[in-house]
Amino acid sequence: MAKHEIAPDLRRFILTSIASVPHIEALMLARASAPERWTVEGAARRLYIQPVTVRSVMADLCRSGMLLRDEAQDAWYYQRQATQLCDLVERLADLYASHLVEVTGLIHLKLDRKAQQFANAFNRRKD
């Protein structure tokens, strides 16, 4: 099977706006269940990650404008709007559903590069 080419704008979006696989999983969960609100505990059970990680991921997604926070319920949710960001999220959802390996591979590649840059910086300090 040929490798799927990710559209340049989606590739850029993934590289600049999706920090990790838990981030995309949380975003896709909230998007698929909109307008349902997700608490830390509920999302942690559904995503199989620790509550402290969920809180951090959801906060990141809120800061980037991809999720909204319901302070009264201490919960997060996705709201479809006619914006460029929502259009990218919708296209990302389609791509992720059909090309999960390619999308997660791109996320991991980014994380591997960051780890290598960190290691290189540390090694330079030792010299």
C-alpha atoms as a PDB file:
ATOM      1  CA  MET A   1       0.000   0.000   0.000  1.00  0.00           C
ATOM      2  CA  ALA A   2       1.367   3.412  -0.949  1.00  0.00           C
ATOM      3  CA  LYS A   3       2.065   5.915   1.783  1.00  0.00           C
ATOM      4  CA  HIS A   4      -0.580   8.647   2.002  1.00  0.00           C
ATOM      5  CA  GLU A   5       0.684  12.168   1.366  1.00  0.00           C
ATOM      6  CA  ILE A   6      -0.612  14.578   4.014  1.00  0.00           C
ATOM      7  CA  ALA A   7      -1.742  17.933   2.601  1.00  0.00           C
ATOM      8  CA  PRO A   8       0.803  20.671   3.387  1.00  0.00           C
ATOM      9  CA  ASP A   9      -1.582  22.757   5.501  1.00  0.00           C
ATOM     10  CA  LEU A  10      -2.634  19.721   7.565  1.00  0.00           C
ATOM     11  CA  ARG A  11       0.980  18.648   7.942  1.00  0.00           C
ATOM     12  CA  ARG A  12       1.882  22.130   9.207  1.00  0.00           C
ATOM     13  CA  PHE A  13      -1.137  22.064  11.557  1.00  0.00           C
ATOM     14  CA  ILE A  14      -0.095  18.712  13.011  1.00  0.00           C
ATOM     15  CA  LEU A  15       3.525  19.796  13.425  1.00  0.00           C
ATOM     16  CA  THR A  16       2.695  23.140  15.024  1.00  0.00           C
ATOM     17  CA  SER A  17      -0.514  22.447  16.951  1.00  0.00           C
ATOM     18  CA  ILE A  18      -0.661  18.766  17.972  1.00  0.00           C
ATOM     19  CA  ALA A  19       1.888  18.173  20.719  1.00  0.00           C
ATOM     20  CA  SER A  20       1.411  14.422  21.191  1.00  0.00           C
ATOM     21  CA  VAL A  21      -0.807  11.444  20.467  1.00  0.00           C
ATOM     22  CA  PRO A  22      -2.787  12.059  23.690  1.00  0.00           C
ATOM     23  CA  HIS A  23      -3.495  15.580  22.374  1.00  0.00           C
ATOM     24  CA  ILE A  24      -4.950  14.332  19.104  1.00  0.00           C
ATOM     25  CA  GLU A  25      -6.859  11.541  20.862  1.00  0.00           C
ATOM     26  CA  ALA A  26      -8.402  14.011  23.331  1.00  0.00           C
ATOM     27  CA  LEU A  27      -9.288  16.398  20.518  1.00  0.00           C
ATOM     28  CA  MET A  28     -10.855  13.623  18.434  1.00  0.00           C
ATOM     29  CA  LEU A  29     -12.816  12.348  21.451  1.00  0.00           C
ATOM     30  CA  ALA A  30     -14.213  15.801  22.215  1.00  0.00           C
ATOM     31  CA  ARG A  31     -14.972  16.470  18.535  1.00  0.00           C
ATOM     32  CA  ALA A  32     -16.765  13.137  18.019  1.00  0.00           C
ATOM     33  CA  SER A  33     -18.927  13.610  21.097  1.00  0.00           C
ATOM     34  CA  ALA A  34     -19.640  17.350  20.789  1.00  0.00           C
ATOM     35  CA  PRO A  35     -21.258  19.076  22.573  1.00  0.00           C
ATOM     36  CA  GLU A  36     -20.706  16.616  25.436  1.00  0.00           C
ATOM     37  CA  ARG A  37     -18.490  17.895  28.248  1.00  0.00           C
ATOM     38  CA  TRP A  38     -15.520  15.811  29.362  1.00  0.00           C
ATOM     39  CA  THR A  39     -14.261  15.830  32.937  1.00  0.00           C
ATOM     40  CA  VAL A  40     -10.706  14.853  33.767  1.00  0.00           C
ATOM     41  CA  GLU A  41     -11.856  11.535  35.199  1.00  0.00           C
ATOM     42  CA  GLY A  42     -14.138  10.700  32.280  1.00  0.00           C
ATOM     43  CA  ALA A  43     -11.531  11.547  29.667  1.00  0.00           C
ATOM     44  CA  ALA A  44      -8.821   9.664  31.584  1.00  0.00           C
ATOM     45  CA  ARG A  45     -10.953   6.507  31.606  1.00  0.00           C
ATOM     46  CA  ARG A  46     -11.800   6.851  27.921  1.00  0.00           C
ATOM     47  CA  LEU A  47      -8.262   7.723  26.754  1.00  0.00           C
ATOM     48  CA  TYR A  48      -6.441   5.318  29.114  1.00  0.00           C
ATOM     49  CA  ILE A  49      -4.123   8.024  30.422  1.00  0.00           C
ATOM     50  CA  GLN A  50      -3.515   9.480  33.880  1.00  0.00           C
ATOM     51  CA  PRO A  51      -5.787  12.299  35.076  1.00  0.00           C
ATOM     52  CA  VAL A  52      -2.826  14.659  35.513  1.00  0.00           C
ATOM     53  CA  THR A  53      -1.951  14.102  31.842  1.00  0.00           C
ATOM     54  CA  VAL A  54      -5.558  14.695  30.788  1.00  0.00           C
ATOM     55  CA  ARG A  55      -5.660  17.997  32.668  1.00  0.00           C
ATOM     56  CA  SER A  56      -2.447  19.143  30.966  1.00  0.00           C
ATOM     57  CA  VAL A  57      -3.581  18.008  27.506  1.00  0.00           C
ATOM     58  CA  MET A  58      -7.006  19.641  27.832  1.00  0.00           C
ATOM     59  CA  ALA A  59      -5.414  22.879  29.071  1.00  0.00           C
ATOM     60  CA  ASP A  60      -3.065  22.866  26.066  1.00  0.00           C
ATOM     61  CA  LEU A  61      -5.977  22.332  23.671  1.00  0.00           C
ATOM     62  CA  CYS A  62      -7.915  25.185  25.309  1.00  0.00           C
ATOM     63  CA  ARG A  63      -4.937  27.548  25.058  1.00  0.00           C
ATOM     64  CA  SER A  64      -4.683  26.752  21.356  1.00  0.00           C
ATOM     65  CA  GLY A  65      -8.405  27.421  20.857  1.00  0.00           C
ATOM     66  CA  MET A  66      -9.310  23.865  19.845  1.00  0.00           C
ATOM     67  CA  LEU A  67     -11.379  23.114  22.970  1.00  0.00           C
ATOM     68  CA  LEU A  68     -13.484  25.240  25.268  1.00  0.00           C
ATOM     69  CA  ARG A  69     -13.604  24.998  29.045  1.00  0.00           C
ATOM     70  CA  ASP A  70     -16.763  24.824  31.133  1.00  0.00           C
ATOM     71  CA  GLU A  71     -15.552  26.248  34.452  1.00  0.00           C
ATOM     72  CA  ALA A  72     -18.792  25.414  36.284  1.00  0.00           C
ATOM     73  CA  GLN A  73     -18.504  21.705  35.466  1.00  0.00           C
ATOM     74  CA  ASP A  74     -14.673  21.592  35.474  1.00  0.00           C
ATOM     75  CA  ALA A  75     -14.942  20.063  32.012  1.00  0.00           C
ATOM     76  CA  TRP A  76     -13.894  20.595  28.389  1.00  0.00           C
ATOM     77  CA  TYR A  77     -15.748  20.386  25.095  1.00  0.00           C
ATOM     78  CA  TYR A  78     -15.500  20.956  21.364  1.00  0.00           C
ATOM     79  CA  GLN A  79     -17.763  23.411  19.588  1.00  0.00           C
ATOM     80  CA  ARG A  80     -18.096  23.371  15.814  1.00  0.00           C
ATOM     81  CA  GLN A  81     -17.802  26.849  14.362  1.00  0.00           C
ATOM     82  CA  ALA A  82     -17.304  28.332  10.931  1.00  0.00           C
ATOM     83  CA  THR A  83     -13.614  29.056  11.434  1.00  0.00           C
ATOM     84  CA  GLN A  84     -10.403  28.052   9.715  1.00  0.00           C
ATOM     85  CA  LEU A  85      -9.301  26.233  12.884  1.00  0.00           C
ATOM     86  CA  CYS A  86     -12.490  24.132  12.990  1.00  0.00           C
ATOM     87  CA  ASP A  87     -12.086  23.384   9.294  1.00  0.00           C
ATOM     88  CA  LEU A  88      -8.562  22.085   9.978  1.00  0.00           C
ATOM     89  CA  VAL A  89      -9.813  19.992  12.919  1.00  0.00           C
ATOM     90  CA  GLU A  90     -12.567  18.486  10.755  1.00  0.00           C
ATOM     91  CA  ARG A  91     -10.098  17.648   7.989  1.00  0.00           C
ATOM     92  CA  LEU A  92      -7.676  16.247  10.564  1.00  0.00           C
ATOM     93  CA  ALA A  93     -10.449  14.018  11.940  1.00  0.00           C
ATOM     94  CA  ASP A  94     -11.092  12.603   8.463  1.00  0.00           C
ATOM     95  CA  LEU A  95      -7.386  12.060   7.874  1.00  0.00           C
ATOM     96  CA  TYR A  96      -6.844  10.498  11.310  1.00  0.00           C
ATOM     97  CA  ALA A  97      -9.759   8.105  10.790  1.00  0.00           C
ATOM     98  CA  SER A  98      -8.357   6.843   7.503  1.00  0.00           C
ATOM     99  CA  HIS A  99      -4.570   7.276   7.950  1.00  0.00           C
ATOM    100  CA  LEU A 100      -3.911   6.860  11.674  1.00  0.00           C
ATOM    101  CA  VAL A 101      -0.424   5.426  11.169  1.00  0.00           C
ATOM    102  CA  GLU A 102       0.746   8.316   8.999  1.00  0.00           C
ATOM    103  CA  VAL A 103      -0.632  10.963  11.363  1.00  0.00           C
ATOM    104  CA  THR A 104       0.773   9.384  14.525  1.00  0.00           C
ATOM    105  CA  GLY A 105       4.044   8.777  12.697  1.00  0.00           C
ATOM    106  CA  LEU A 106       4.300  12.481  11.930  1.00  0.00           C
ATOM    107  CA  ILE A 107       3.604  13.340  15.577  1.00  0.00           C
ATOM    108  CA  HIS A 108       6.242  10.852  16.757  1.00  0.00           C
ATOM    109  CA  LEU A 109       8.742  12.129  14.193  1.00  0.00           C
ATOM    110  CA  LYS A 110       8.307  15.631  15.607  1.00  0.00           C
ATOM    111  CA  LEU A 111       8.803  14.342  19.160  1.00  0.00           C
ATOM    112  CA  ASP A 112      11.878  12.346  18.111  1.00  0.00           C
ATOM    113  CA  ARG A 113      13.383  15.465  16.515  1.00  0.00           C
ATOM    114  CA  LYS A 114      12.760  17.505  19.661  1.00  0.00           C
ATOM    115  CA  ALA A 115      14.358  14.803  21.797  1.00  0.00           C
ATOM    116  CA  GLN A 116      17.380  14.695  19.492  1.00  0.00           C
ATOM    117  CA  GLN A 117      17.730  18.494  19.578  1.00  0.00           C
ATOM    118  CA  PHE A 118      17.619  18.385  23.365  1.00  0.00           C
ATOM    119  CA  ALA A 119      20.251  15.650  23.462  1.00  0.00           C
ATOM    120  CA  ASN A 120      22.435  17.562  21.017  1.00  0.00           C
ATOM    121  CA  ALA A 121      22.190  20.731  23.100  1.00  0.00           C
ATOM    122  CA  PHE A 122      23.129  18.786  26.221  1.00  0.00           C
ATOM    123  CA  ASN A 123      26.083  17.157  24.450  1.00  0.00           C
ATOM    124  CA  ARG A 124      27.339  20.555  23.217  1.00  0.00           C
ATOM    125  CA  ARG A 125      27.332  21.888  26.785  1.00  0.00           C
ATOM    126  CA  LYS A 126      29.545  19.001  27.900  1.00  0.00           C
ATOM    127  CA  ASP A 127      32.185  19.833  25.227  1.00  0.00           C
END
